[in-house]
Structures are given as structure tokens and as C-alpha cells.
Amino acid sequence: MDSSELLRIRLANRLVCASQQISIGPTGPTGGSSTIPGALKAFTIYVDYSAANQISRVYVPPYLFGSAAAPILQLGGVFTADVGTDLVFLGNPTIVMNNTTYAFAAGLSANGYVVTGRWQIVPPSNIRPATGFLNYTITADYGLTLTTDLGAINGQNFSVYPMTGTAAGFLATITIFFV
């Protein structure tokens, strides 16, 4: 074997290790993960309400949904209708998500667009498992149900929307943290 062949093999091994998140030592794979065990993965969805607690559209980021979900969800985008049983939200105060990429949601945070024309973080006291608050439940791995309350997110703002920026046209963002 000449040096160019050895270099090609070493590069191929590094690419495989990197794509599978395997740690690489000076002589090749070390067998460990190159990411921090238990590191959180975060996905932010954007939500729009057409009336009190009735969701009319949702932006889903790419890769929030895994390979078992409808292919259109895996790519992400803005949805104005339910997608099978993988994404159910239209006209409801809840967002049901099944077949997510990661198995277990470990927390969430949110921002709401308020009538003064600015984004405001939702205080942790408004994220809890009770009526009138933002919360989530998990009934099985790779699935969760978000329960929203616009009052807890942005003080019942239905009329003032952001006109520019990443979340233009939406009233709330919800970031879900997975382990």
C-alpha cells in the first residue's frame, strides 16, 4: 500500500466517525461518543393563533420529526393543516407531535409577541402543568403534546404581529429541549 492509499483510508475512517459522532483519537476511533452524553437538542417551533387558544399555523424546523414521520414533516416548514397523526394542531389549544427525532422531551421555554411590539420571554411561572398555562405531556417515547394558553404566552395579543425577523407573522415561539 502506498502513502496515498493510507491517507485515503484514514480520511474515509475520519468521515465515517464524524458522521456517526464517534470520537477520533490519533490512531482512529476511540469507541466513545464525540458529543457530551445527555446533551440537550433544541428545536424551536413558531405558532400563530387565529382566535383565543385556536392554533391556525405552525412552523416546524427541519429534523424535529424523525424517519417514521410523514416525509413532509422531516423537511420542516410552515403547516396550516394537520399532518396525519404526526402533527395535530389546527383549531386546537394543543399541538400533538408523534414520531419526533429524539425520544424524550426534557423541558421547554417560550417567547410571546406582545401588543407593545416586542418579543418577551414567557416566565417559568407560566410554564407548568395546570389549566391556563403552557405545558407538555409525554405518553410515549418519540411523542409529546404541548398545551398552549395564549394568555400565559403573550397576554392575549391577537392583533399585533412582528412584521420582520425570523418569526415574522407568528405570535409565539416554543423551544423544546430533548435528551
Protein backbone atom coordinates (compact mmCIF):
# COMPACT_ATOMS: atom_id res chain seq x y z
CA MET A 1 0.00 0.00 0.00
CA ASP A 2 1.39 3.41 -0.87
CA SER A 3 1.06 6.57 1.22
CA SER A 4 -1.82 7.99 -0.86
CA GLU A 5 -3.86 4.82 -0.25
CA LEU A 6 -3.17 5.03 3.52
CA LEU A 7 -4.17 8.69 3.51
CA ARG A 8 -7.41 7.85 1.64
CA ILE A 9 -8.29 5.13 4.18
CA ARG A 10 -7.55 7.41 7.13
CA LEU A 11 -9.69 10.18 5.67
CA ALA A 12 -12.54 7.73 4.98
CA ASN A 13 -12.37 6.48 8.60
CA ARG A 14 -12.49 10.05 9.93
CA LEU A 15 -15.50 10.87 7.77
CA VAL A 16 -17.36 7.77 8.94
CA CYS A 17 -16.52 8.53 12.58
CA ALA A 18 -17.60 12.15 12.25
CA SER A 19 -20.92 11.22 10.59
CA GLN A 20 -21.68 8.73 13.37
CA GLN A 21 -20.41 11.02 16.16
CA ILE A 22 -17.65 8.62 17.22
CA SER A 23 -14.62 10.08 18.97
CA ILE A 24 -11.43 10.01 16.94
CA GLY A 25 -8.02 9.53 18.52
CA PRO A 26 -4.59 9.79 16.93
CA THR A 27 -4.84 6.22 15.63
CA GLY A 28 -8.55 6.13 14.77
CA PRO A 29 -11.88 5.62 16.54
CA THR A 30 -11.76 5.55 20.34
CA GLY A 31 -15.17 3.97 20.79
CA GLY A 32 -16.74 6.89 22.65
CA SER A 33 -19.21 9.49 21.58
CA SER A 34 -17.91 12.83 20.34
CA THR A 35 -20.88 14.64 21.89
CA ILE A 36 -21.48 15.23 25.57
CA PRO A 37 -23.64 12.42 26.99
CA GLY A 38 -27.07 13.77 27.84
CA ALA A 39 -26.50 16.96 25.83
CA LEU A 40 -29.78 18.68 25.00
CA LYS A 41 -31.02 19.08 21.46
CA ALA A 42 -33.27 22.11 20.97
CA PHE A 43 -35.93 22.76 18.33
CA THR A 44 -37.94 25.98 18.13
CA ILE A 45 -41.42 25.97 16.63
CA TYR A 46 -43.36 29.14 15.75
CA VAL A 47 -47.07 29.30 16.49
CA ASP A 48 -49.87 31.53 15.21
CA TYR A 49 -53.33 31.84 16.77
CA SER A 50 -56.41 32.88 14.84
CA ALA A 51 -58.62 33.18 17.92
CA ALA A 52 -58.38 32.55 21.65
CA ASN A 53 -56.39 29.33 22.02
CA GLN A 54 -57.09 28.16 18.46
CA ILE A 55 -53.86 27.48 16.60
CA SER A 56 -54.01 28.29 12.89
CA ARG A 57 -50.47 27.53 11.73
CA VAL A 58 -47.16 26.19 12.97
CA TYR A 59 -43.60 26.44 11.70
CA VAL A 60 -41.69 23.20 12.28
CA PRO A 61 -37.89 23.23 11.96
CA PRO A 62 -36.17 20.57 9.83
CA TYR A 63 -35.28 17.32 11.64
CA LEU A 64 -37.68 17.83 14.56
CA PHE A 65 -39.53 14.83 13.16
CA GLY A 66 -37.74 11.52 12.55
CA SER A 67 -37.79 9.00 9.73
CA ALA A 68 -41.03 7.37 10.97
CA ALA A 69 -42.93 10.65 10.48
CA ALA A 70 -44.52 11.88 7.27
CA PRO A 71 -41.69 12.89 4.91
CA ILE A 72 -43.01 16.45 4.58
CA LEU A 73 -42.56 16.94 8.34
CA GLN A 74 -38.96 15.73 8.27
CA LEU A 75 -38.12 18.65 5.95
CA GLY A 76 -39.87 21.19 8.16
CA GLY A 77 -41.79 24.24 7.04
CA VAL A 78 -44.99 26.16 7.74
CA PHE A 79 -48.09 24.00 8.21
CA THR A 80 -51.68 25.24 8.08
CA ALA A 81 -53.30 21.81 8.42
CA ASP A 82 -52.75 18.67 10.45
CA VAL A 83 -50.37 16.06 9.00
CA GLY A 84 -51.85 12.65 9.78
CA THR A 85 -51.33 11.80 13.44
CA ASP A 86 -47.74 13.07 13.43
CA LEU A 87 -48.70 16.75 13.77
CA VAL A 88 -52.16 17.69 15.01
CA PHE A 89 -52.94 21.31 15.96
CA LEU A 90 -55.48 23.05 13.71
CA GLY A 91 -58.17 24.87 15.72
CA ASN A 92 -56.95 23.39 19.00
CA PRO A 93 -55.08 24.76 22.01
CA THR A 94 -52.77 21.73 21.78
CA ILE A 95 -50.03 20.62 19.43
CA VAL A 96 -49.67 16.85 19.24
CA MET A 97 -46.35 15.62 17.85
CA ASN A 98 -45.58 11.97 17.19
CA ASN A 99 -42.51 10.34 15.64
CA THR A 100 -40.08 13.05 16.69
CA THR A 101 -36.37 12.54 16.02
CA TYR A 102 -35.49 12.32 19.70
CA ALA A 103 -37.34 10.14 22.19
CA PHE A 104 -37.75 12.29 25.27
CA ALA A 105 -38.58 15.96 25.79
CA ALA A 106 -36.83 17.28 28.89
CA GLY A 107 -38.14 20.85 29.01
CA LEU A 108 -39.30 23.88 27.14
CA SER A 109 -39.11 27.65 27.02
CA ALA A 110 -41.18 30.15 25.09
CA ASN A 111 -41.43 33.72 23.83
CA GLY A 112 -44.55 35.67 23.02
CA TYR A 113 -45.05 38.74 20.86
CA VAL A 114 -46.87 41.33 22.96
CA VAL A 115 -49.01 44.35 22.00
CA THR A 116 -46.14 46.75 22.64
CA GLY A 117 -44.46 45.28 19.55
CA ARG A 118 -41.67 43.22 21.09
CA TRP A 119 -40.80 39.63 21.89
CA GLN A 120 -40.98 38.75 25.55
CA ILE A 121 -39.79 35.61 27.29
CA VAL A 122 -42.51 33.58 28.98
CA PRO A 123 -41.72 33.46 32.70
CA PRO A 124 -41.15 29.98 34.13
CA SER A 125 -44.15 30.51 36.42
CA ASN A 126 -46.34 30.40 33.26
CA ILE A 127 -44.91 27.02 32.22
CA ARG A 128 -46.49 24.41 34.47
CA PRO A 129 -48.99 21.55 34.36
CA ALA A 130 -52.20 23.42 35.12
CA THR A 131 -55.08 24.92 33.16
CA GLY A 132 -54.24 28.35 31.80
CA PHE A 133 -50.53 27.70 31.42
CA LEU A 134 -48.08 26.38 28.84
CA ASN A 135 -47.04 22.78 29.44
CA TYR A 136 -46.38 19.44 27.83
CA THR A 137 -47.09 15.79 28.49
CA ILE A 138 -45.32 12.68 27.25
CA THR A 139 -47.32 9.49 26.88
CA ALA A 140 -44.71 7.55 24.88
CA ASP A 141 -41.19 7.94 23.56
CA TYR A 142 -40.93 10.00 20.36
CA GLY A 143 -44.14 11.87 21.09
CA LEU A 144 -45.47 14.75 23.14
CA THR A 145 -48.44 17.04 23.47
CA LEU A 146 -47.94 20.77 24.01
CA THR A 147 -50.81 22.54 25.69
CA THR A 148 -50.79 26.25 25.00
CA ASP A 149 -52.58 29.20 26.51
CA LEU A 150 -52.16 32.49 24.72
CA GLY A 151 -52.72 34.44 27.91
CA ALA A 152 -49.75 32.70 29.51
CA ILE A 153 -47.61 33.27 26.42
CA ASN A 154 -48.34 36.81 25.22
CA GLY A 155 -51.23 38.27 27.21
CA GLN A 156 -53.99 37.53 24.67
CA ASN A 157 -52.36 39.50 21.83
CA PHE A 158 -54.22 38.63 18.59
CA SER A 159 -53.62 41.77 16.55
CA VAL A 160 -50.00 42.95 16.77
CA TYR A 161 -47.63 40.77 14.74
CA PRO A 162 -43.91 41.08 14.08
CA MET A 163 -43.53 42.30 10.51
CA THR A 164 -39.85 41.43 10.10
CA GLY A 165 -37.36 38.99 11.52
CA THR A 166 -37.08 35.24 11.82
CA ALA A 167 -40.55 34.72 13.31
CA ALA A 168 -42.40 37.41 11.32
CA GLY A 169 -46.13 36.71 11.20
CA PHE A 170 -46.17 34.44 14.27
CA LEU A 171 -47.29 35.26 17.82
CA ALA A 172 -45.25 32.76 19.83
CA THR A 173 -42.14 30.62 19.74
CA ILE A 174 -41.77 27.45 21.77
CA THR A 175 -38.40 25.78 22.16
CA ILE A 176 -38.47 22.09 23.07
CA PHE A 177 -35.38 20.53 24.63
CA PHE A 178 -34.77 16.82 24.01
CA VAL A 179 -32.25 14.43 25.56
